Amino acid sequence: MRSPTVSIRLAALVFALSTGVAVAHEFTAAILVTGEESAERLAEAVDGFLLAADERDGHADETSDGHLGGVDVQVLPLPPEMTGQVKGLRGRPAALANVVVVVGPAPEAVDGLAPLGPDSIVMTAGKLPRDWQDVAGATSFVSRYVATYGKAPTEAAALGYNAARRLDAAVRPLDGLEPRAAVASALAETEEGFDW
């Protein structure tokens, strides 16, 4: 016998599917690295992003690249010609990114550099905490990064991590990317500083 909670969830799913409402609990985050040494910095930014995407809601046998805000995230590294050093991705990102994270100098236009959808949110990685390089025990970003990747994090890795943590904070209360204006507003509030 099904519990009432399961029956309610099944009914909601059937209703949503029958009315054409999209039931998606995932999104694609493109990480666009600009500036010098883009290939190396892209791999480092993805590593930092993935570390954050596994921290709170990660689990074995994932088919996504991790979770942010309890929602599956698929990572799309950009530009495509710079992805040779990127490792550790297992998801299947959509062709159009829901979120584009710019790591590095802001390009004049993101349109030609990233696969934007009509409702894509473009964000910067944000300003890093002043003490991001501190090694304050096993729970510090630096310690977790070294334990995961066997090397000290670079600024690009910290920027990828910062962007993912900001996305997690914006998405978690909404359980997704809707309403987009609320996500964009939450991201704007943390752009100049976010404590890990």
Protein backbone atom coordinates (compact mmCIF):
# COMPACT_ATOMS: atom_id res chain seq x y z
CA MET A 1 0.00 0.00 0.00
CA ARG A 2 1.33 3.41 -0.98
CA SER A 3 1.77 6.13 1.58
CA PRO A 4 -0.32 9.31 1.11
CA THR A 5 2.88 11.28 0.39
CA VAL A 6 3.85 8.96 -2.48
CA SER A 7 0.33 9.11 -3.92
CA ILE A 8 0.35 12.92 -3.79
CA ARG A 9 3.74 13.09 -5.52
CA LEU A 10 2.61 10.65 -8.23
CA ALA A 11 -0.57 12.62 -8.78
CA ALA A 12 1.41 15.87 -9.08
CA LEU A 13 3.79 14.27 -11.58
CA VAL A 14 0.95 12.87 -13.71
CA PHE A 15 -0.82 16.24 -13.63
CA ALA A 16 2.33 18.12 -14.63
CA LEU A 17 3.09 15.74 -17.48
CA SER A 18 -0.47 15.75 -18.76
CA THR A 19 -0.65 19.56 -18.77
CA GLY A 20 2.68 19.96 -20.54
CA VAL A 21 4.40 21.56 -17.57
CA ALA A 22 8.10 20.71 -17.54
CA VAL A 23 9.14 18.73 -14.50
CA ALA A 24 12.87 19.31 -14.37
CA HIS A 25 15.05 19.00 -11.37
CA GLU A 26 18.31 19.78 -13.10
CA PHE A 27 20.06 22.58 -14.89
CA THR A 28 23.13 23.16 -17.05
CA ALA A 29 25.81 25.55 -15.84
CA ALA A 30 28.32 26.65 -18.46
CA ILE A 31 31.68 27.73 -17.09
CA LEU A 32 33.20 30.24 -19.49
CA VAL A 33 36.83 31.15 -18.81
CA THR A 34 38.20 34.29 -20.44
CA GLY A 35 41.65 35.82 -20.49
CA GLU A 36 45.10 34.25 -20.59
CA GLU A 37 45.94 30.56 -20.09
CA SER A 38 42.28 29.70 -20.58
CA ALA A 39 42.71 25.93 -20.99
CA GLU A 40 44.51 25.45 -17.68
CA ARG A 41 42.31 27.94 -15.84
CA LEU A 42 39.17 26.30 -17.26
CA ALA A 43 40.19 22.90 -15.87
CA GLU A 44 40.96 24.47 -12.48
CA ALA A 45 37.66 26.41 -12.39
CA VAL A 46 35.72 23.22 -13.23
CA ASP A 47 37.57 21.37 -10.44
CA GLY A 48 36.59 24.03 -7.91
CA PHE A 49 33.00 24.06 -9.17
CA LEU A 50 32.75 20.26 -8.92
CA LEU A 51 34.13 20.29 -5.37
CA ALA A 52 31.31 22.60 -4.28
CA ALA A 53 28.73 20.63 -6.29
CA ASP A 54 29.57 17.48 -4.31
CA GLU A 55 29.74 18.98 -0.82
CA ARG A 56 26.17 19.04 0.41
CA ASP A 57 24.08 16.73 -1.73
CA GLY A 58 26.56 14.44 -3.45
CA HIS A 59 25.92 10.70 -3.55
CA ALA A 60 27.32 7.57 -5.14
CA ASP A 61 26.35 6.59 -8.68
CA GLU A 62 25.41 10.11 -9.75
CA THR A 63 24.63 10.67 -13.40
CA SER A 64 25.00 14.44 -13.07
CA ASP A 65 28.12 16.46 -12.33
CA GLY A 66 26.86 17.14 -8.83
CA HIS A 67 24.15 19.04 -6.99
CA LEU A 68 23.64 22.70 -6.20
CA GLY A 69 20.71 23.66 -4.03
CA GLY A 70 19.62 20.02 -4.01
CA VAL A 71 19.20 20.16 -7.81
CA ASP A 72 21.25 18.15 -10.32
CA VAL A 73 23.77 20.32 -12.16
CA GLN A 74 25.36 19.44 -15.49
CA VAL A 75 28.58 21.33 -16.26
CA LEU A 76 29.39 22.63 -19.74
CA PRO A 77 33.01 23.93 -19.95
CA LEU A 78 33.64 26.75 -22.43
CA PRO A 79 35.12 27.67 -24.81
CA PRO A 80 34.97 24.20 -26.42
CA GLU A 81 38.46 24.43 -27.90
CA MET A 82 39.92 24.84 -24.39
CA THR A 83 38.40 21.75 -22.73
CA GLY A 84 41.30 19.33 -23.28
CA GLN A 85 42.49 19.49 -19.65
CA VAL A 86 39.01 19.26 -18.08
CA LYS A 87 38.42 15.98 -16.21
CA GLY A 88 35.85 14.50 -13.89
CA LEU A 89 32.65 15.38 -15.75
CA ARG A 90 30.05 12.63 -15.97
CA GLY A 91 26.86 14.53 -16.73
CA ARG A 92 25.10 15.27 -19.97
CA PRO A 93 24.66 19.04 -20.25
CA ALA A 94 21.88 20.51 -22.34
CA ALA A 95 22.81 22.25 -25.59
CA LEU A 96 21.71 25.58 -24.10
CA ALA A 97 23.02 26.65 -20.71
CA ASN A 98 20.58 27.77 -18.03
CA VAL A 99 23.40 29.60 -16.23
CA VAL A 100 26.68 30.93 -17.66
CA VAL A 101 29.43 31.55 -15.11
CA VAL A 102 32.11 33.94 -16.40
CA VAL A 103 35.51 33.35 -14.82
CA GLY A 104 37.92 36.10 -15.81
CA PRO A 105 37.52 39.47 -17.46
CA ALA A 106 33.96 40.13 -18.59
CA PRO A 107 33.73 39.76 -22.36
CA GLU A 108 32.04 42.52 -24.34
CA ALA A 109 29.36 40.02 -25.32
CA VAL A 110 28.68 36.52 -24.07
CA ASP A 111 26.26 35.71 -26.90
CA GLY A 112 28.87 34.48 -29.36
CA LEU A 113 30.95 32.73 -26.71
CA ALA A 114 28.29 30.69 -24.92
CA PRO A 115 25.23 28.64 -25.86
CA LEU A 116 22.68 30.96 -24.30
CA GLY A 117 19.03 30.08 -24.01
CA PRO A 118 16.29 32.72 -23.96
CA ASP A 119 16.19 32.66 -20.15
CA SER A 120 19.89 32.07 -19.42
CA ILE A 121 21.32 33.77 -16.37
CA VAL A 122 24.80 35.21 -16.90
CA MET A 123 26.85 35.68 -13.72
CA THR A 124 30.43 36.40 -12.76
CA ALA A 125 32.29 34.05 -10.46
CA GLY A 126 32.15 36.82 -7.84
CA LYS A 127 34.63 38.35 -5.45
CA LEU A 128 36.56 35.80 -3.38
CA PRO A 129 36.58 35.91 0.41
CA ARG A 130 39.72 37.64 1.66
CA ASP A 131 40.88 34.54 3.52
CA TRP A 132 40.13 31.94 0.83
CA GLN A 133 43.73 30.63 0.91
CA ASP A 134 43.75 29.98 4.65
CA VAL A 135 44.28 26.39 5.73
CA ALA A 136 42.22 26.33 8.92
CA GLY A 137 41.84 22.61 9.48
CA ALA A 138 40.32 19.79 7.47
CA THR A 139 37.16 21.73 6.71
CA SER A 140 38.86 24.60 4.87
CA PHE A 141 38.44 24.95 1.12
CA VAL A 142 42.18 24.52 0.62
CA SER A 143 42.30 21.30 2.67
CA ARG A 144 39.30 19.79 0.87
CA TYR A 145 40.72 20.77 -2.51
CA VAL A 146 44.12 19.25 -1.72
CA ALA A 147 42.46 16.06 -0.39
CA THR A 148 40.40 15.75 -3.59
CA TYR A 149 42.88 16.82 -6.27
CA GLY A 150 46.29 16.33 -4.61
CA LYS A 151 47.46 19.88 -5.23
CA ALA A 152 46.85 23.37 -3.89
CA PRO A 153 44.01 25.32 -5.47
CA THR A 154 44.67 28.24 -7.78
CA GLU A 155 42.64 31.42 -7.93
CA ALA A 156 40.71 29.96 -10.90
CA ALA A 157 39.76 26.92 -8.78
CA ALA A 158 38.62 29.21 -5.96
CA LEU A 159 36.55 31.27 -8.42
CA GLY A 160 34.84 28.12 -9.72
CA TYR A 161 34.15 27.05 -6.15
CA ASN A 162 32.85 30.51 -5.23
CA ALA A 163 30.49 30.57 -8.21
CA ALA A 164 29.08 27.15 -7.32
CA ARG A 165 28.58 28.10 -3.67
CA ARG A 166 26.77 31.29 -4.74
CA LEU A 167 24.56 29.27 -7.09
CA ASP A 168 23.82 26.78 -4.30
CA ALA A 169 22.72 29.61 -2.00
CA ALA A 170 20.51 31.13 -4.71
CA VAL A 171 18.89 27.86 -5.86
CA ARG A 172 18.38 26.04 -2.53
CA PRO A 173 15.48 28.16 -1.16
CA LEU A 174 13.68 27.94 -4.51
CA ASP A 175 14.44 24.25 -5.19
CA GLY A 176 15.35 25.20 -8.75
CA LEU A 177 15.94 28.13 -11.10
CA GLU A 178 12.41 29.53 -10.95
CA PRO A 179 11.54 32.31 -10.64
CA ARG A 180 14.58 33.45 -12.62
CA ALA A 181 14.33 37.00 -11.28
CA ALA A 182 14.73 35.70 -7.71
CA VAL A 183 17.81 33.65 -8.67
CA ALA A 184 19.36 36.62 -10.50
CA SER A 185 18.63 38.87 -7.52
CA ALA A 186 20.20 36.41 -5.05
CA LEU A 187 23.29 36.13 -7.26
CA ALA A 188 23.59 39.93 -7.49
CA GLU A 189 23.50 40.15 -3.68
CA THR A 190 26.53 37.83 -3.34
CA GLU A 191 28.65 39.10 -6.25
CA GLU A 192 30.76 41.44 -4.11
CA GLY A 193 31.35 38.92 -1.35
CA PHE A 194 30.14 35.57 -0.09
CA ASP A 195 31.35 33.70 3.01
CA TRP A 196 32.05 30.01 2.60
